[in-house]
Amino acid sequence: MAVGRAERREDRRERVTAAFGEHQAPIALDLLELTELAWHDCYGEVTPSEDIIDDMLLLSRGDIDRLIQAARLAVTDWRDLKVAADKTRHRT
């Protein structure tokens, strides 16, 4: 389990690169890092669970704009994010 922010970033790199490609992956990783900061402010936890991160990546469909929307949804109400991700999974 990754402890520091840099370690978590590195652990997520492969999944994020698969979703966004080499060119956009650093931007997506930066956004996930910002999401961690907001998550901590809202929930007092260091980072969202990897399930939440996976839901954000799923809903993004490889698009940075959609990842921004998913990040906002995750921080404001992670349950709504889970519902949206579950609906997306059941459609495919």
N, C-alpha and C. Protein backbone atom coordinates (compact mmCIF):
# COMPACT_ATOMS: atom_id res chain seq x y z
N MET A 1 0.84 -1.18 0.00
CA MET A 1 0.00 0.00 0.00
C MET A 1 0.89 1.25 0.00
N ALA A 2 0.60 2.16 -0.91
CA ALA A 2 1.37 3.39 -1.02
C ALA A 2 1.05 4.32 0.15
N VAL A 3 2.09 4.91 0.72
CA VAL A 3 1.90 5.76 1.88
C VAL A 3 1.91 7.23 1.49
N GLY A 4 2.89 7.66 0.73
CA GLY A 4 3.01 9.07 0.36
C GLY A 4 2.31 9.39 -0.94
N ARG A 5 2.11 10.68 -1.15
CA ARG A 5 1.43 11.14 -2.36
C ARG A 5 2.19 10.71 -3.62
N ALA A 6 3.52 10.83 -3.60
CA ALA A 6 4.32 10.44 -4.76
C ALA A 6 4.18 8.95 -5.05
N GLU A 7 4.14 8.14 -4.00
CA GLU A 7 3.97 6.69 -4.18
C GLU A 7 2.60 6.36 -4.75
N ARG A 8 1.57 7.04 -4.24
CA ARG A 8 0.22 6.79 -4.77
C ARG A 8 0.16 7.18 -6.24
N ARG A 9 0.77 8.31 -6.57
CA ARG A 9 0.80 8.76 -7.97
C ARG A 9 1.44 7.69 -8.85
N GLU A 10 2.57 7.17 -8.41
CA GLU A 10 3.27 6.15 -9.19
C GLU A 10 2.44 4.87 -9.30
N ASP A 11 1.78 4.49 -8.22
CA ASP A 11 0.94 3.29 -8.24
C ASP A 11 -0.23 3.43 -9.22
N ARG A 12 -0.71 4.64 -9.40
CA ARG A 12 -1.86 4.88 -10.29
C ARG A 12 -1.46 5.13 -11.74
N ARG A 13 -0.19 5.36 -11.98
CA ARG A 13 0.28 5.77 -13.31
C ARG A 13 -0.16 4.83 -14.43
N GLU A 14 -0.03 3.53 -14.23
CA GLU A 14 -0.37 2.57 -15.28
C GLU A 14 -1.86 2.65 -15.64
N ARG A 15 -2.72 2.67 -14.63
CA ARG A 15 -4.17 2.75 -14.90
C ARG A 15 -4.53 4.06 -15.59
N VAL A 16 -3.93 5.14 -15.12
CA VAL A 16 -4.24 6.45 -15.69
C VAL A 16 -3.72 6.55 -17.12
N THR A 17 -2.54 6.02 -17.37
CA THR A 17 -2.00 6.03 -18.73
C THR A 17 -2.87 5.19 -19.66
N ALA A 18 -3.37 4.07 -19.17
CA ALA A 18 -4.27 3.25 -19.99
C ALA A 18 -5.54 4.01 -20.35
N ALA A 19 -6.02 4.83 -19.44
CA ALA A 19 -7.27 5.57 -19.68
C ALA A 19 -7.05 6.82 -20.53
N PHE A 20 -5.91 7.49 -20.34
CA PHE A 20 -5.71 8.81 -20.96
C PHE A 20 -4.59 8.87 -21.99
N GLY A 21 -3.76 7.85 -22.05
CA GLY A 21 -2.62 7.89 -22.96
C GLY A 21 -1.44 8.62 -22.33
N GLU A 22 -0.28 8.44 -22.94
CA GLU A 22 0.96 9.02 -22.40
C GLU A 22 0.91 10.53 -22.29
N HIS A 23 0.33 11.19 -23.28
CA HIS A 23 0.34 12.66 -23.32
C HIS A 23 -0.53 13.28 -22.22
N GLN A 24 -1.70 12.72 -21.98
CA GLN A 24 -2.65 13.29 -21.02
C GLN A 24 -2.50 12.72 -19.60
N ALA A 25 -1.78 11.62 -19.45
CA ALA A 25 -1.66 10.98 -18.13
C ALA A 25 -1.11 11.92 -17.05
N PRO A 26 -0.05 12.69 -17.32
CA PRO A 26 0.44 13.59 -16.26
C PRO A 26 -0.61 14.60 -15.80
N ILE A 27 -1.42 15.08 -16.72
CA ILE A 27 -2.48 16.03 -16.36
C ILE A 27 -3.52 15.34 -15.49
N ALA A 28 -3.91 14.13 -15.87
CA ALA A 28 -4.89 13.38 -15.08
C ALA A 28 -4.34 13.05 -13.70
N LEU A 29 -3.07 12.70 -13.62
CA LEU A 29 -2.46 12.42 -12.32
C LEU A 29 -2.41 13.67 -11.45
N ASP A 30 -2.14 14.81 -12.06
CA ASP A 30 -2.18 16.08 -11.31
C ASP A 30 -3.58 16.32 -10.74
N LEU A 31 -4.59 16.05 -11.54
CA LEU A 31 -5.96 16.25 -11.08
C LEU A 31 -6.30 15.30 -9.94
N LEU A 32 -5.84 14.07 -10.02
CA LEU A 32 -6.08 13.12 -8.93
C LEU A 32 -5.39 13.60 -7.65
N GLU A 33 -4.23 14.21 -7.81
CA GLU A 33 -3.53 14.75 -6.65
C GLU A 33 -4.32 15.90 -6.02
N LEU A 34 -4.86 16.77 -6.84
CA LEU A 34 -5.71 17.85 -6.33
C LEU A 34 -6.96 17.29 -5.66
N THR A 35 -7.49 16.22 -6.22
CA THR A 35 -8.66 15.57 -5.64
C THR A 35 -8.34 15.06 -4.24
N GLU A 36 -7.13 14.52 -4.06
CA GLU A 36 -6.73 14.07 -2.72
C GLU A 36 -6.77 15.22 -1.71
N LEU A 37 -6.29 16.38 -2.11
CA LEU A 37 -6.28 17.53 -1.21
C LEU A 37 -7.71 17.93 -0.82
N ALA A 38 -8.58 17.97 -1.81
CA ALA A 38 -9.98 18.31 -1.54
C ALA A 38 -10.64 17.23 -0.69
N TRP A 39 -10.33 15.98 -0.98
CA TRP A 39 -10.89 14.85 -0.23
C TRP A 39 -10.51 14.98 1.25
N HIS A 40 -9.25 15.29 1.48
CA HIS A 40 -8.79 15.43 2.86
C HIS A 40 -9.54 16.56 3.57
N ASP A 41 -9.73 17.67 2.88
CA ASP A 41 -10.46 18.79 3.48
C ASP A 41 -11.90 18.41 3.81
N CYS A 42 -12.53 17.65 2.95
CA CYS A 42 -13.95 17.30 3.14
C CYS A 42 -14.16 16.13 4.10
N TYR A 43 -13.31 15.12 4.00
CA TYR A 43 -13.56 13.87 4.73
C TYR A 43 -12.53 13.55 5.80
N GLY A 44 -11.44 14.32 5.86
CA GLY A 44 -10.41 14.06 6.86
C GLY A 44 -9.59 12.81 6.58
N GLU A 45 -9.73 12.26 5.40
CA GLU A 45 -8.95 11.08 4.98
C GLU A 45 -7.88 11.55 4.00
N VAL A 46 -6.76 10.86 3.98
CA VAL A 46 -5.65 11.27 3.13
C VAL A 46 -6.01 11.22 1.66
N THR A 47 -6.75 10.20 1.27
CA THR A 47 -7.04 10.01 -0.15
C THR A 47 -8.36 9.25 -0.30
N PRO A 48 -9.03 9.42 -1.43
CA PRO A 48 -10.18 8.55 -1.69
C PRO A 48 -9.70 7.10 -1.86
N SER A 49 -10.59 6.17 -1.67
CA SER A 49 -10.24 4.76 -1.89
C SER A 49 -9.92 4.55 -3.37
N GLU A 50 -9.21 3.48 -3.64
CA GLU A 50 -8.90 3.17 -5.04
C GLU A 50 -10.17 2.83 -5.82
N ASP A 51 -11.21 2.36 -5.13
CA ASP A 51 -12.51 2.14 -5.79
C ASP A 51 -13.08 3.47 -6.30
N ILE A 52 -12.95 4.52 -5.50
CA ILE A 52 -13.43 5.84 -5.93
C ILE A 52 -12.60 6.32 -7.12
N ILE A 53 -11.29 6.13 -7.05
CA ILE A 53 -10.41 6.52 -8.16
C ILE A 53 -10.82 5.76 -9.42
N ASP A 54 -11.05 4.46 -9.29
CA ASP A 54 -11.48 3.65 -10.44
C ASP A 54 -12.80 4.15 -11.01
N ASP A 55 -13.73 4.51 -10.14
CA ASP A 55 -15.02 5.05 -10.61
C ASP A 55 -14.81 6.36 -11.36
N MET A 56 -13.92 7.20 -10.86
CA MET A 56 -13.63 8.46 -11.55
C MET A 56 -13.04 8.19 -12.94
N LEU A 57 -12.10 7.26 -13.01
CA LEU A 57 -11.49 6.93 -14.30
C LEU A 57 -12.52 6.35 -15.27
N LEU A 58 -13.39 5.50 -14.76
CA LEU A 58 -14.45 4.92 -15.60
C LEU A 58 -15.34 6.01 -16.17
N LEU A 59 -15.81 6.90 -15.32
CA LEU A 59 -16.72 7.95 -15.77
C LEU A 59 -16.04 8.96 -16.68
N SER A 60 -14.74 9.08 -16.58
CA SER A 60 -14.02 10.04 -17.43
C SER A 60 -14.00 9.61 -18.89
N ARG A 61 -14.05 8.31 -19.12
CA ARG A 61 -13.95 7.77 -20.49
C ARG A 61 -12.73 8.33 -21.22
N GLY A 62 -11.65 8.56 -20.47
CA GLY A 62 -10.41 9.03 -21.08
C GLY A 62 -10.41 10.49 -21.46
N ASP A 63 -11.34 11.26 -20.92
CA ASP A 63 -11.46 12.68 -21.26
C ASP A 63 -11.21 13.52 -20.00
N ILE A 64 -10.26 14.44 -20.08
CA ILE A 64 -9.90 15.26 -18.92
C ILE A 64 -11.10 16.05 -18.39
N ASP A 65 -11.89 16.62 -19.29
CA ASP A 65 -13.06 17.39 -18.85
C ASP A 65 -14.01 16.52 -18.03
N ARG A 66 -14.21 15.28 -18.46
CA ARG A 66 -15.08 14.36 -17.72
C ARG A 66 -14.45 13.95 -16.38
N LEU A 67 -13.11 13.85 -16.38
CA LEU A 67 -12.44 13.53 -15.12
C LEU A 67 -12.62 14.66 -14.11
N ILE A 68 -12.58 15.88 -14.58
CA ILE A 68 -12.83 17.03 -13.70
C ILE A 68 -14.23 16.92 -13.09
N GLN A 69 -15.21 16.59 -13.93
CA GLN A 69 -16.58 16.45 -13.44
C GLN A 69 -16.69 15.30 -12.43
N ALA A 70 -16.02 14.20 -12.73
CA ALA A 70 -16.06 13.04 -11.83
C ALA A 70 -15.36 13.37 -10.50
N ALA A 71 -14.27 14.12 -10.56
CA ALA A 71 -13.56 14.50 -9.34
C ALA A 71 -14.44 15.38 -8.46
N ARG A 72 -15.11 16.33 -9.08
CA ARG A 72 -16.01 17.21 -8.32
C ARG A 72 -17.13 16.40 -7.68
N LEU A 73 -17.70 15.48 -8.45
CA LEU A 73 -18.76 14.63 -7.92
C LEU A 73 -18.24 13.77 -6.77
N ALA A 74 -17.05 13.22 -6.92
CA ALA A 74 -16.48 12.38 -5.87
C ALA A 74 -16.33 13.15 -4.56
N VAL A 75 -15.88 14.38 -4.66
CA VAL A 75 -15.64 15.17 -3.45
C VAL A 75 -16.95 15.68 -2.85
N THR A 76 -17.88 16.10 -3.69
CA THR A 76 -19.12 16.66 -3.16
C THR A 76 -20.07 15.58 -2.65
N ASP A 77 -20.14 14.43 -3.33
CA ASP A 77 -20.96 13.32 -2.84
C ASP A 77 -20.51 12.03 -3.52
N TRP A 78 -19.61 11.33 -2.88
CA TRP A 78 -19.03 10.13 -3.47
C TRP A 78 -20.07 9.05 -3.74
N ARG A 79 -21.19 9.08 -3.01
CA ARG A 79 -22.23 8.08 -3.26
C ARG A 79 -22.86 8.26 -4.64
N ASP A 80 -23.05 9.52 -5.04
CA ASP A 80 -23.56 9.78 -6.39
C ASP A 80 -22.58 9.31 -7.45
N LEU A 81 -21.29 9.44 -7.16
CA LEU A 81 -20.27 8.94 -8.08
C LEU A 81 -20.40 7.43 -8.23
N LYS A 82 -20.58 6.73 -7.10
CA LYS A 82 -20.72 5.27 -7.14
C LYS A 82 -21.94 4.85 -7.95
N VAL A 83 -23.06 5.55 -7.77
CA VAL A 83 -24.28 5.24 -8.51
C VAL A 83 -24.05 5.43 -10.00
N ALA A 84 -23.44 6.54 -10.38
CA ALA A 84 -23.17 6.82 -11.79
C ALA A 84 -22.23 5.78 -12.39
N ALA A 85 -21.21 5.40 -11.65
CA ALA A 85 -20.27 4.40 -12.14
C ALA A 85 -20.94 3.03 -12.28
N ASP A 86 -21.78 2.67 -11.33
CA ASP A 86 -22.50 1.39 -11.41
C ASP A 86 -23.43 1.36 -12.62
N LYS A 87 -24.10 2.47 -12.89
CA LYS A 87 -24.97 2.54 -14.07
C LYS A 87 -24.15 2.37 -15.34
N THR A 88 -22.99 2.99 -15.38
CA THR A 88 -22.12 2.87 -16.56
C THR A 88 -21.65 1.44 -16.73
N ARG A 89 -21.28 0.79 -15.65
CA ARG A 89 -20.81 -0.60 -15.72
C ARG A 89 -21.92 -1.53 -16.22
N HIS A 90 -23.14 -1.29 -15.80
CA HIS A 90 -24.24 -2.18 -16.19
C HIS A 90 -24.71 -1.94 -17.61
N ARG A 91 -24.37 -0.79 -18.18
CA ARG A 91 -24.73 -0.50 -19.58
C ARG A 91 -23.80 -1.20 -20.55
N THR A 92 -22.58 -1.50 -20.12
CA THR A 92 -21.61 -2.09 -21.04
C THR A 92 -21.63 -3.58 -21.01
